PDB file of all heavy atoms in Angstrom:
ATOM      1  N   ILE A   1      11.679 -22.164 -97.670  1.00  0.00           N
ATOM      2  CA  ILE A   1      12.174 -22.059 -96.291  1.00  0.00           C
ATOM      3  C   ILE A   1      13.548 -22.706 -96.169  1.00  0.00           C
ATOM      4  O   ILE A   1      14.452 -22.180 -95.568  1.00  0.00           O
ATOM      5  CB  ILE A   1      11.160 -22.724 -95.309  1.00  0.00           C
ATOM      6  CG1 ILE A   1       9.934 -21.805 -95.164  1.00  0.00           C
ATOM      7  CG2 ILE A   1      11.821 -22.906 -93.946  1.00  0.00           C
ATOM      8  CD1 ILE A   1       8.831 -22.337 -94.330  1.00  0.00           C
ATOM      9  N   SER A   2      13.723 -23.866 -96.852  1.00  0.00           N
ATOM     10  CA  SER A   2      15.044 -24.522 -96.852  1.00  0.00           C
ATOM     11  C   SER A   2      16.108 -23.583 -97.421  1.00  0.00           C
ATOM     12  O   SER A   2      17.214 -23.453 -96.866  1.00  0.00           O
ATOM     13  CB  SER A   2      15.015 -25.798 -97.670  1.00  0.00           C
ATOM     14  OG  SER A   2      14.179 -26.747 -97.059  1.00  0.00           O
ATOM     15  N   ALA A   3      15.823 -22.978 -98.536  1.00  0.00           N
ATOM     16  CA  ALA A   3      16.762 -22.060 -99.176  1.00  0.00           C
ATOM     17  C   ALA A   3      17.036 -20.840 -98.264  1.00  0.00           C
ATOM     18  O   ALA A   3      18.181 -20.428 -98.125  1.00  0.00           O
ATOM     19  CB  ALA A   3      16.250 -21.599-100.555  1.00  0.00           C
ATOM     20  N   HIS A   4      15.977 -20.329 -97.639  1.00  0.00           N
ATOM     21  CA  HIS A   4      16.167 -19.195 -96.755  1.00  0.00           C
ATOM     22  C   HIS A   4      17.032 -19.575 -95.562  1.00  0.00           C
ATOM     23  O   HIS A   4      17.906 -18.826 -95.172  1.00  0.00           O
ATOM     24  CB  HIS A   4      14.789 -18.698 -96.281  1.00  0.00           C
ATOM     25  CG  HIS A   4      14.922 -17.639 -95.226  1.00  0.00           C
ATOM     26  ND1 HIS A   4      15.376 -16.385 -95.490  1.00  0.00           N
ATOM     27  CD2 HIS A   4      14.704 -17.709 -93.904  1.00  0.00           C
ATOM     28  CE1 HIS A   4      15.423 -15.630 -94.390  1.00  0.00           C
ATOM     29  NE2 HIS A   4      15.031 -16.430 -93.380  1.00  0.00           N
ATOM     30  N   PHE A   5      16.791 -20.736 -94.983  1.00  0.00           N
ATOM     31  CA  PHE A   5      17.599 -21.164 -93.851  1.00  0.00           C
ATOM     32  C   PHE A   5      19.031 -21.333 -94.249  1.00  0.00           C
ATOM     33  O   PHE A   5      19.955 -21.034 -93.473  1.00  0.00           O
ATOM     34  CB  PHE A   5      17.049 -22.474 -93.275  1.00  0.00           C
ATOM     35  CG  PHE A   5      15.768 -22.288 -92.504  1.00  0.00           C
ATOM     36  CD1 PHE A   5      15.042 -23.424 -92.081  1.00  0.00           C
ATOM     37  CD2 PHE A   5      15.226 -21.067 -92.185  1.00  0.00           C
ATOM     38  CE1 PHE A   5      13.873 -23.298 -91.375  1.00  0.00           C
ATOM     39  CE2 PHE A   5      14.036 -20.906 -91.462  1.00  0.00           C
ATOM     40  CZ  PHE A   5      13.362 -22.051 -91.080  1.00  0.00           C
ATOM     41  N   ALA A   6      19.289 -21.777 -95.464  1.00  0.00           N
ATOM     42  CA  ALA A   6      20.665 -21.972 -95.932  1.00  0.00           C
ATOM     43  C   ALA A   6      21.365 -20.585 -95.995  1.00  0.00           C
ATOM     44  O   ALA A   6      22.491 -20.448 -95.628  1.00  0.00           O
ATOM     45  CB  ALA A   6      20.663 -22.621 -97.293  1.00  0.00           C
ATOM     46  N   LEU A   7      20.629 -19.546 -96.441  1.00  0.00           N
ATOM     47  CA  LEU A   7      21.174 -18.171 -96.478  1.00  0.00           C
ATOM     48  C   LEU A   7      21.505 -17.708 -95.065  1.00  0.00           C
ATOM     49  O   LEU A   7      22.598 -17.237 -94.799  1.00  0.00           O
ATOM     50  CB  LEU A   7      20.180 -17.202 -97.144  1.00  0.00           C
ATOM     51  CG  LEU A   7      20.507 -15.728 -96.991  1.00  0.00           C
ATOM     52  CD1 LEU A   7      21.798 -15.363 -97.712  1.00  0.00           C
ATOM     53  CD2 LEU A   7      19.352 -14.880 -97.477  1.00  0.00           C
ATOM     54  N   GLU A   8      20.573 -17.862 -94.180  1.00  0.00           N
ATOM     55  CA  GLU A   8      20.812 -17.396 -92.771  1.00  0.00           C
ATOM     56  C   GLU A   8      21.972 -18.138 -92.170  1.00  0.00           C
ATOM     57  O   GLU A   8      22.820 -17.553 -91.509  1.00  0.00           O
ATOM     58  CB  GLU A   8      19.588 -17.642 -91.892  1.00  0.00           C
ATOM     59  CG  GLU A   8      18.511 -16.583 -91.995  1.00  0.00           C
ATOM     60  CD  GLU A   8      17.425 -16.797 -90.930  1.00  0.00           C
ATOM     61  OE1 GLU A   8      17.603 -17.601 -89.972  1.00  0.00           O
ATOM     62  OE2 GLU A   8      16.390 -16.113 -91.072  1.00  0.00           O
ATOM     63  N   GLU A   9      22.016 -19.447 -92.395  1.00  0.00           N
ATOM     64  CA  GLU A   9      23.116 -20.232 -91.794  1.00  0.00           C
ATOM     65  C   GLU A   9      24.477 -19.881 -92.422  1.00  0.00           C
ATOM     66  O   GLU A   9      25.475 -19.855 -91.705  1.00  0.00           O
ATOM     67  CB  GLU A   9      22.795 -21.730 -91.935  1.00  0.00           C
ATOM     68  CG  GLU A   9      21.639 -22.096 -91.049  1.00  0.00           C
ATOM     69  CD  GLU A   9      21.000 -23.450 -91.348  1.00  0.00           C
ATOM     70  OE1 GLU A   9      21.664 -24.273 -92.111  1.00  0.00           O
ATOM     71  OE2 GLU A   9      19.906 -23.735 -90.821  1.00  0.00           O
ATOM     72  N   LEU A  10      24.509 -19.556 -93.707  1.00  0.00           N
ATOM     73  CA  LEU A  10      25.753 -19.120 -94.298  1.00  0.00           C
ATOM     74  C   LEU A  10      26.237 -17.804 -93.665  1.00  0.00           C
ATOM     75  O   LEU A  10      27.387 -17.660 -93.317  1.00  0.00           O
ATOM     76  CB  LEU A  10      25.503 -18.896 -95.781  1.00  0.00           C
ATOM     77  CG  LEU A  10      26.700 -18.316 -96.574  1.00  0.00           C
ATOM     78  CD1 LEU A  10      27.890 -19.234 -96.580  1.00  0.00           C
ATOM     79  CD2 LEU A  10      26.309 -17.979 -97.974  1.00  0.00           C
ATOM     80  N   LEU A  11      25.297 -16.826 -93.493  1.00  0.00           N
ATOM     81  CA  LEU A  11      25.641 -15.557 -92.875  1.00  0.00           C
ATOM     82  C   LEU A  11      26.144 -15.766 -91.442  1.00  0.00           C
ATOM     83  O   LEU A  11      27.133 -15.166 -90.980  1.00  0.00           O
ATOM     84  CB  LEU A  11      24.451 -14.615 -92.880  1.00  0.00           C
ATOM     85  CG  LEU A  11      23.971 -14.154 -94.242  1.00  0.00           C
ATOM     86  CD1 LEU A  11      22.668 -13.369 -94.107  1.00  0.00           C
ATOM     87  CD2 LEU A  11      25.041 -13.275 -94.893  1.00  0.00           C
ATOM     88  N   MET A  12      25.482 -16.683 -90.691  1.00  0.00           N
ATOM     89  CA  MET A  12      25.883 -16.948 -89.319  1.00  0.00           C
ATOM     90  C   MET A  12      27.269 -17.587 -89.296  1.00  0.00           C
ATOM     91  O   MET A  12      28.087 -17.223 -88.433  1.00  0.00           O
ATOM     92  CB  MET A  12      24.851 -17.820 -88.619  1.00  0.00           C
ATOM     93  CG  MET A  12      23.597 -17.119 -88.313  1.00  0.00           C
ATOM     94  SD  MET A  12      22.453 -18.070 -87.276  1.00  0.00           S
ATOM     95  CE  MET A  12      21.756 -19.211 -88.510  1.00  0.00           C
ATOM     96  N   ARG A  13      27.535 -18.561 -90.167  1.00  0.00           N
ATOM     97  CA  ARG A  13      28.832 -19.222 -90.174  1.00  0.00           C
ATOM     98  C   ARG A  13      29.974 -18.225 -90.508  1.00  0.00           C
ATOM     99  O   ARG A  13      30.973 -18.176 -89.882  1.00  0.00           O
ATOM    100  CB  ARG A  13      28.868 -20.357 -91.185  1.00  0.00           C
ATOM    101  CG  ARG A  13      28.318 -21.647 -90.594  1.00  0.00           C
ATOM    102  CD  ARG A  13      28.666 -22.881 -91.470  1.00  0.00           C
ATOM    103  NE  ARG A  13      28.189 -22.724 -92.852  1.00  0.00           N
ATOM    104  CZ  ARG A  13      26.980 -23.027 -93.275  1.00  0.00           C
ATOM    105  NH1 ARG A  13      26.076 -23.520 -92.472  1.00  0.00           N
ATOM    106  NH2 ARG A  13      26.668 -22.864 -94.542  1.00  0.00           N
ATOM    107  N   ARG A  14      29.693 -17.375 -91.524  1.00  0.00           N
ATOM    108  CA  ARG A  14      30.708 -16.401 -91.921  1.00  0.00           C
ATOM    109  C   ARG A  14      31.012 -15.425 -90.767  1.00  0.00           C
ATOM    110  O   ARG A  14      32.143 -14.939 -90.682  1.00  0.00           O
ATOM    111  CB  ARG A  14      30.177 -15.562 -93.139  1.00  0.00           C
ATOM    112  CG  ARG A  14      30.275 -16.258 -94.430  1.00  0.00           C
ATOM    113  CD  ARG A  14      29.793 -15.363 -95.557  1.00  0.00           C
ATOM    114  NE  ARG A  14      29.863 -16.013 -96.844  1.00  0.00           N
ATOM    115  CZ  ARG A  14      29.269 -15.598 -97.893  1.00  0.00           C
ATOM    116  NH1 ARG A  14      28.514 -14.493 -97.896  1.00  0.00           N
ATOM    117  NH2 ARG A  14      29.412 -16.235 -99.038  1.00  0.00           N
ATOM    118  N   ALA A  15      30.058 -15.120 -89.992  1.00  0.00           N
ATOM    119  CA  ALA A  15      30.227 -14.146 -88.866  1.00  0.00           C
ATOM    120  C   ALA A  15      30.634 -14.854 -87.567  1.00  0.00           C
ATOM    121  O   ALA A  15      30.770 -14.207 -86.555  1.00  0.00           O
ATOM    122  CB  ALA A  15      28.964 -13.384 -88.649  1.00  0.00           C
ATOM    123  N   ALA A  16      30.827 -16.188 -87.638  1.00  0.00           N
ATOM    124  CA  ALA A  16      31.169 -16.977 -86.434  1.00  0.00           C
ATOM    125  C   ALA A  16      30.188 -16.674 -85.314  1.00  0.00           C
ATOM    126  O   ALA A  16      30.501 -16.445 -84.156  1.00  0.00           O
ATOM    127  CB  ALA A  16      32.608 -16.732 -85.954  1.00  0.00           C
ATOM    128  N   TYR A  17      28.901 -16.678 -85.701  1.00  0.00           N
ATOM    129  CA  TYR A  17      27.802 -16.342 -84.771  1.00  0.00           C
ATOM    130  C   TYR A  17      27.758 -17.344 -83.644  1.00  0.00           C
ATOM    131  O   TYR A  17      27.686 -18.549 -83.849  1.00  0.00           O
ATOM    132  CB  TYR A  17      26.480 -16.384 -85.608  1.00  0.00           C
ATOM    133  CG  TYR A  17      25.232 -16.005 -84.854  1.00  0.00           C
ATOM    134  CD1 TYR A  17      25.116 -14.746 -84.233  1.00  0.00           C
ATOM    135  CD2 TYR A  17      24.192 -16.878 -84.747  1.00  0.00           C
ATOM    136  CE1 TYR A  17      23.954 -14.419 -83.550  1.00  0.00           C
ATOM    137  CE2 TYR A  17      23.031 -16.578 -84.044  1.00  0.00           C
ATOM    138  CZ  TYR A  17      22.961 -15.345 -83.458  1.00  0.00           C
ATOM    139  OH  TYR A  17      21.809 -14.990 -82.775  1.00  0.00           O
ATOM    140  N   ALA A  18      27.765 -16.855 -82.419  1.00  0.00           N
ATOM    141  CA  ALA A  18      27.853 -17.682 -81.214  1.00  0.00           C
ATOM    142  C   ALA A  18      26.632 -18.628 -81.056  1.00  0.00           C
ATOM    143  O   ALA A  18      26.841 -19.747 -80.572  1.00  0.00           O
ATOM    144  CB  ALA A  18      28.018 -16.802 -79.987  1.00  0.00           C
ATOM    145  N   ASP A  19      25.458 -18.206 -81.446  1.00  0.00           N
ATOM    146  CA  ASP A  19      24.265 -19.017 -81.273  1.00  0.00           C
ATOM    147  C   ASP A  19      23.897 -19.816 -82.507  1.00  0.00           C
ATOM    148  O   ASP A  19      22.723 -20.176 -82.714  1.00  0.00           O
ATOM    149  CB  ASP A  19      23.074 -18.158 -80.830  1.00  0.00           C
ATOM    150  CG  ASP A  19      23.257 -17.638 -79.417  1.00  0.00           C
ATOM    151  OD1 ASP A  19      23.915 -18.323 -78.637  1.00  0.00           O
ATOM    152  OD2 ASP A  19      22.666 -16.561 -79.125  1.00  0.00           O
ATOM    153  N   PHE A  20      24.907 -20.117 -83.371  1.00  0.00           N
ATOM    154  CA  PHE A  20      24.594 -20.778 -84.623  1.00  0.00           C
ATOM    155  C   PHE A  20      23.912 -22.098 -84.431  1.00  0.00           C
ATOM    156  O   PHE A  20      22.906 -22.405 -85.063  1.00  0.00           O
ATOM    157  CB  PHE A  20      25.943 -21.008 -85.379  1.00  0.00           C
ATOM    158  CG  PHE A  20      25.795 -21.866 -86.622  1.00  0.00           C
ATOM    159  CD1 PHE A  20      25.223 -21.356 -87.782  1.00  0.00           C
ATOM    160  CD2 PHE A  20      26.148 -23.202 -86.591  1.00  0.00           C
ATOM    161  CE1 PHE A  20      25.033 -22.130 -88.902  1.00  0.00           C
ATOM    162  CE2 PHE A  20      25.958 -24.006 -87.742  1.00  0.00           C
ATOM    163  CZ  PHE A  20      25.402 -23.448 -88.866  1.00  0.00           C
ATOM    164  N   GLN A  21      24.460 -22.954 -83.520  1.00  0.00           N
ATOM    165  CA  GLN A  21      23.912 -24.339 -83.413  1.00  0.00           C
ATOM    166  C   GLN A  21      22.471 -24.372 -82.950  1.00  0.00           C
ATOM    167  O   GLN A  21      21.658 -25.054 -83.598  1.00  0.00           O
ATOM    168  CB  GLN A  21      24.833 -25.189 -82.500  1.00  0.00           C
ATOM    169  CG  GLN A  21      24.572 -26.692 -82.639  1.00  0.00           C
ATOM    170  CD  GLN A  21      24.754 -27.182 -84.084  1.00  0.00           C
ATOM    171  OE1 GLN A  21      25.668 -26.846 -84.773  1.00  0.00           O
ATOM    172  NE2 GLN A  21      23.808 -28.030 -84.516  1.00  0.00           N
ATOM    173  N   PRO A  22      22.052 -23.667 -81.920  1.00  0.00           N
ATOM    174  CA  PRO A  22      20.666 -23.695 -81.567  1.00  0.00           C
ATOM    175  C   PRO A  22      19.750 -23.104 -82.647  1.00  0.00           C
ATOM    176  O   PRO A  22      18.607 -23.564 -82.866  1.00  0.00           O
ATOM    177  CB  PRO A  22      20.559 -22.919 -80.236  1.00  0.00           C
ATOM    178  CG  PRO A  22      21.892 -22.312 -79.989  1.00  0.00           C
ATOM    179  CD  PRO A  22      22.859 -22.929 -80.955  1.00  0.00           C
ATOM    180  N   HIS A  23      20.237 -22.098 -83.337  1.00  0.00           N
ATOM    181  CA  HIS A  23      19.485 -21.491 -84.420  1.00  0.00           C
ATOM    182  C   HIS A  23      19.311 -22.521 -85.551  1.00  0.00           C
ATOM    183  O   HIS A  23      18.165 -22.699 -86.039  1.00  0.00           O
ATOM    184  CB  HIS A  23      20.191 -20.260 -84.927  1.00  0.00           C
ATOM    185  CG  HIS A  23      19.349 -19.301 -85.641  1.00  0.00           C
ATOM    186  ND1 HIS A  23      19.285 -17.967 -85.309  1.00  0.00           N
ATOM    187  CD2 HIS A  23      18.475 -19.450 -86.638  1.00  0.00           C
ATOM    188  CE1 HIS A  23      18.462 -17.352 -86.126  1.00  0.00           C
ATOM    189  NE2 HIS A  23      17.955 -18.231 -86.965  1.00  0.00           N
ATOM    190  N   LYS A  24      20.329 -23.200 -85.916  1.00  0.00           N
ATOM    191  CA  LYS A  24      20.297 -24.228 -86.971  1.00  0.00           C
ATOM    192  C   LYS A  24      19.337 -25.375 -86.530  1.00  0.00           C
ATOM    193  O   LYS A  24      18.519 -25.841 -87.341  1.00  0.00           O
ATOM    194  CB  LYS A  24      21.660 -24.769 -87.237  1.00  0.00           C
ATOM    195  CG  LYS A  24      21.697 -25.858 -88.338  1.00  0.00           C
ATOM    196  CD  LYS A  24      23.127 -26.235 -88.671  1.00  0.00           C
ATOM    197  CE  LYS A  24      23.229 -27.315 -89.699  1.00  0.00           C
ATOM    198  NZ  LYS A  24      22.380 -27.209 -90.876  1.00  0.00           N
ATOM    199  N   GLU A  25      19.385 -25.774 -85.260  1.00  0.00           N
ATOM    200  CA  GLU A  25      18.498 -26.808 -84.769  1.00  0.00           C
ATOM    201  C   GLU A  25      17.032 -26.416 -84.821  1.00  0.00           C
ATOM    202  O   GLU A  25      16.189 -27.197 -85.168  1.00  0.00           O
ATOM    203  CB  GLU A  25      18.883 -27.207 -83.375  1.00  0.00           C
ATOM    204  CG  GLU A  25      20.184 -27.992 -83.331  1.00  0.00           C
ATOM    205  CD  GLU A  25      20.745 -28.225 -81.897  1.00  0.00           C
ATOM    206  OE1 GLU A  25      20.040 -27.847 -80.912  1.00  0.00           O
ATOM    207  OE2 GLU A  25      21.885 -28.676 -81.796  1.00  0.00           O
ATOM    208  N   ALA A  26      16.765 -25.128 -84.548  1.00  0.00           N
ATOM    209  CA  ALA A  26      15.375 -24.616 -84.667  1.00  0.00           C
ATOM    210  C   ALA A  26      14.888 -24.721 -86.123  1.00  0.00           C
ATOM    211  O   ALA A  26      13.795 -25.067 -86.435  1.00  0.00           O
ATOM    212  CB  ALA A  26      15.295 -23.183 -84.169  1.00  0.00           C
ATOM    213  N   HIS A  27      15.842 -24.351 -87.076  1.00  0.00           N
ATOM    214  CA  HIS A  27      15.495 -24.444 -88.504  1.00  0.00           C
ATOM    215  C   HIS A  27      15.173 -25.890 -88.858  1.00  0.00           C
ATOM    216  O   HIS A  27      14.181 -26.177 -89.562  1.00  0.00           O
ATOM    217  CB  HIS A  27      16.657 -23.985 -89.356  1.00  0.00           C
ATOM    218  CG  HIS A  27      16.858 -22.510 -89.342  1.00  0.00           C
ATOM    219  ND1 HIS A  27      18.034 -21.936 -89.868  1.00  0.00           N
ATOM    220  CD2 HIS A  27      16.116 -21.496 -88.893  1.00  0.00           C
ATOM    221  CE1 HIS A  27      17.942 -20.607 -89.704  1.00  0.00           C
ATOM    222  NE2 HIS A  27      16.817 -20.320 -89.159  1.00  0.00           N
ATOM    223  N   GLU A  28      16.008 -26.817 -88.425  1.00  0.00           N
ATOM    224  CA  GLU A  28      15.798 -28.228 -88.755  1.00  0.00           C
ATOM    225  C   GLU A  28      14.479 -28.712 -88.156  1.00  0.00           C
ATOM    226  O   GLU A  28      13.768 -29.535 -88.829  1.00  0.00           O
ATOM    227  CB  GLU A  28      16.966 -29.072 -88.258  1.00  0.00           C
ATOM    228  CG  GLU A  28      18.249 -28.785 -89.036  1.00  0.00           C
ATOM    229  CD  GLU A  28      19.499 -29.379 -88.432  1.00  0.00           C
ATOM    230  OE1 GLU A  28      19.445 -29.925 -87.284  1.00  0.00           O
ATOM    231  OE2 GLU A  28      20.566 -29.257 -89.041  1.00  0.00           O
ATOM    232  N   GLY A  29      14.149 -28.245 -86.968  1.00  0.00           N
ATOM    233  CA  GLY A  29      12.874 -28.641 -86.338  1.00  0.00           C
ATOM    234  C   GLY A  29      11.668 -28.187 -87.161  1.00  0.00           C
ATOM    235  O   GLY A  29      10.710 -28.958 -87.357  1.00  0.00           O
ATOM    236  N   LEU A  30      11.738 -26.945 -87.670  1.00  0.00           N
ATOM    237  CA  LEU A  30      10.601 -26.481 -88.457  1.00  0.00           C
ATOM    238  C   LEU A  30      10.484 -27.268 -89.783  1.00  0.00           C
ATOM    239  O   LEU A  30       9.409 -27.639 -90.181  1.00  0.00           O
ATOM    240  CB  LEU A  30      10.696 -25.001 -88.793  1.00  0.00           C
ATOM    241  CG  LEU A  30       9.573 -24.472 -89.691  1.00  0.00           C
ATOM    242  CD1 LEU A  30       8.206 -24.559 -88.978  1.00  0.00           C
ATOM    243  CD2 LEU A  30       9.800 -23.091 -90.204  1.00  0.00           C
ATOM    244  N   LEU A  31      11.579 -27.544 -90.417  1.00  0.00           N
ATOM    245  CA  LEU A  31      11.557 -28.322 -91.679  1.00  0.00           C
ATOM    246  C   LEU A  31      10.966 -29.714 -91.437  1.00  0.00           C
ATOM    247  O   LEU A  31      10.177 -30.212 -92.222  1.00  0.00           O
ATOM    248  CB  LEU A  31      12.936 -28.387 -92.292  1.00  0.00           C
ATOM    249  CG  LEU A  31      13.463 -27.067 -92.845  1.00  0.00           C
ATOM    250  CD1 LEU A  31      14.979 -27.212 -93.271  1.00  0.00           C
ATOM    251  CD2 LEU A  31      12.628 -26.539 -93.981  1.00  0.00           C
ATOM    252  N   ASP A  32      11.320 -30.334 -90.313  1.00  0.00           N
ATOM    253  CA  ASP A  32      10.745 -31.646 -89.952  1.00  0.00           C
ATOM    254  C   ASP A  32       9.215 -31.507 -89.761  1.00  0.00           C
ATOM    255  O   ASP A  32       8.475 -32.360 -90.230  1.00  0.00           O
ATOM    256  CB  ASP A  32      11.315 -32.168 -88.649  1.00  0.00           C
ATOM    257  CG  ASP A  32      12.753 -32.678 -88.816  1.00  0.00           C
ATOM    258  OD1 ASP A  32      13.213 -32.885 -89.968  1.00  0.00           O
ATOM    259  OD2 ASP A  32      13.440 -32.841 -87.778  1.00  0.00           O
ATOM    260  N   GLU A  33       8.810 -30.416 -89.119  1.00  0.00           N
ATOM    261  CA  GLU A  33       7.362 -30.209 -88.860  1.00  0.00           C
ATOM    262  C   GLU A  33       6.607 -29.973 -90.203  1.00  0.00           C
ATOM    263  O   GLU A  33       5.495 -30.430 -90.343  1.00  0.00           O
ATOM    264  CB  GLU A  33       7.180 -29.097 -87.898  1.00  0.00           C
ATOM    265  CG  GLU A  33       7.615 -29.519 -86.448  1.00  0.00           C
ATOM    266  CD  GLU A  33       7.574 -28.378 -85.504  1.00  0.00           C
ATOM    267  OE1 GLU A  33       6.621 -27.576 -85.542  1.00  0.00           O
ATOM    268  OE2 GLU A  33       8.462 -28.318 -84.646  1.00  0.00           O
ATOM    269  N   ILE A  34       7.239 -29.205 -91.073  1.00  0.00           N
ATOM    270  CA  ILE A  34       6.546 -29.005 -92.371  1.00  0.00           C
ATOM    271  C   ILE A  34       6.438 -30.321 -93.134  1.00  0.00           C
ATOM    272  O   ILE A  34       5.337 -30.559 -93.707  1.00  0.00           O
ATOM    273  CB  ILE A  34       7.293 -27.950 -93.213  1.00  0.00           C
ATOM    274  CG1 ILE A  34       7.141 -26.587 -92.574  1.00  0.00           C
ATOM    275  CG2 ILE A  34       6.797 -27.901 -94.644  1.00  0.00           C
ATOM    276  CD1 ILE A  34       7.977 -25.461 -93.169  1.00  0.00           C
ATOM    277  N   ARG A  35       7.447 -31.156 -93.083  1.00  0.00           N
ATOM    278  CA  ARG A  35       7.310 -32.475 -93.742  1.00  0.00           C
ATOM    279  C   ARG A  35       6.239 -33.281 -93.046  1.00  0.00           C
ATOM    280  O   ARG A  35       5.492 -34.023 -93.729  1.00  0.00           O
ATOM    281  CB  ARG A  35       8.658 -33.164 -93.715  1.00  0.00           C
ATOM    282  CG  ARG A  35       9.647 -32.607 -94.796  1.00  0.00           C
ATOM    283  CD  ARG A  35      10.885 -33.376 -94.914  1.00  0.00           C
ATOM    284  NE  ARG A  35      11.782 -33.251 -93.765  1.00  0.00           N
ATOM    285  CZ  ARG A  35      12.674 -32.271 -93.629  1.00  0.00           C
ATOM    286  NH1 ARG A  35      12.809 -31.348 -94.538  1.00  0.00           N
ATOM    287  NH2 ARG A  35      13.405 -32.210 -92.546  1.00  0.00           N
ATOM    288  N   ASP A  36       6.113 -33.214 -91.719  1.00  0.00           N
ATOM    289  CA  ASP A  36       5.087 -33.947 -91.029  1.00  0.00           C
ATOM    290  C   ASP A  36       3.693 -33.432 -91.487  1.00  0.00           C
ATOM    291  O   ASP A  36       2.778 -34.221 -91.645  1.00  0.00           O
ATOM    292  CB  ASP A  36       5.163 -33.743 -89.526  1.00  0.00           C
ATOM    293  CG  ASP A  36       6.372 -34.482 -88.897  1.00  0.00           C
ATOM    294  OD1 ASP A  36       6.968 -35.382 -89.592  1.00  0.00           O
ATOM    295  OD2 ASP A  36       6.742 -34.161 -87.740  1.00  0.00           O
ATOM    296  N   ILE A  37       3.527 -32.124 -91.624  1.00  0.00           N
ATOM    297  CA  ILE A  37       2.269 -31.573 -92.116  1.00  0.00           C
ATOM    298  C   ILE A  37       1.987 -32.093 -93.490  1.00  0.00           C
ATOM    299  O   ILE A  37       0.832 -32.485 -93.841  1.00  0.00           O
ATOM    300  CB  ILE A  37       2.313 -30.028 -92.061  1.00  0.00           C
ATOM    301  CG1 ILE A  37       2.305 -29.541 -90.593  1.00  0.00           C
ATOM    302  CG2 ILE A  37       1.090 -29.441 -92.856  1.00  0.00           C
ATOM    303  CD1 ILE A  37       2.540 -28.030 -90.462  1.00  0.00           C
ATOM    304  N   MET A  38       2.991 -32.096 -94.364  1.00  0.00           N
ATOM    305  CA  MET A  38       2.786 -32.611 -95.738  1.00  0.00           C
ATOM    306  C   MET A  38       2.374 -34.056 -95.678  1.00  0.00           C
ATOM    307  O   MET A  38       1.454 -34.425 -96.415  1.00  0.00           O
ATOM    308  CB  MET A  38       4.067 -32.422 -96.536  1.00  0.00           C
ATOM    309  CG  MET A  38       4.411 -30.966 -96.835  1.00  0.00           C
ATOM    310  SD  MET A  38       6.081 -30.754 -97.553  1.00  0.00           S
ATOM    311  CE  MET A  38       5.736 -31.317 -99.209  1.00  0.00           C
ATOM    312  N   ASP A  39       3.029 -34.856 -94.877  1.00  0.00           N
ATOM    313  CA  ASP A  39       2.661 -36.284 -94.775  1.00  0.00           C
ATOM    314  C   ASP A  39       1.262 -36.424 -94.275  1.00  0.00           C
ATOM    315  O   ASP A  39       0.494 -37.272 -94.774  1.00  0.00           O
ATOM    316  CB  ASP A  39       3.664 -37.030 -93.848  1.00  0.00           C
ATOM    317  CG  ASP A  39       5.042 -37.180 -94.427  1.00  0.00           C
ATOM    318  OD1 ASP A  39       5.194 -36.948 -95.665  1.00  0.00           O
ATOM    319  OD2 ASP A  39       5.971 -37.470 -93.655  1.00  0.00           O
ATOM    320  N   ALA A  40       0.871 -35.660 -93.274  1.00  0.00           N
ATOM    321  CA  ALA A  40      -0.476 -35.763 -92.689  1.00  0.00           C
ATOM    322  C   ALA A  40      -1.513 -35.314 -93.731  1.00  0.00           C
ATOM    323  O   ALA A  40      -2.573 -35.936 -93.853  1.00  0.00           O
ATOM    324  CB  ALA A  40      -0.582 -34.921 -91.424  1.00  0.00           C
ATOM    325  N   PHE A  41      -1.199 -34.278 -94.430  1.00  0.00           N
ATOM    326  CA  PHE A  41      -2.132 -33.807 -95.475  1.00  0.00           C
ATOM    327  C   PHE A  41      -2.260 -34.850 -96.538  1.00  0.00           C
ATOM    328  O   PHE A  41      -3.372 -35.150 -96.963  1.00  0.00           O
ATOM    329  CB  PHE A  41      -1.638 -32.438 -96.052  1.00  0.00           C
ATOM    330  CG  PHE A  41      -2.671 -31.752 -96.850  1.00  0.00           C
ATOM    331  CD1 PHE A  41      -3.638 -30.957 -96.220  1.00  0.00           C
ATOM    332  CD2 PHE A  41      -2.764 -31.956 -98.206  1.00  0.00           C
ATOM    333  CE1 PHE A  41      -4.615 -30.303 -96.959  1.00  0.00           C
ATOM    334  CE2 PHE A  41      -3.787 -31.354 -98.945  1.00  0.00           C
ATOM    335  CZ  PHE A  41      -4.687 -30.518 -98.295  1.00  0.00           C
TER     336      PHE A  41
END
């Protein structure tokens, strides 16, 4: 997922995508949640 988000974010930056920041923040939120799940497990 981290690698995939890096690809999406690269494409968005290259295209000067207007909603880049909220999209990136959503990605970061999911990665935090996956780490929380790993810690809980």
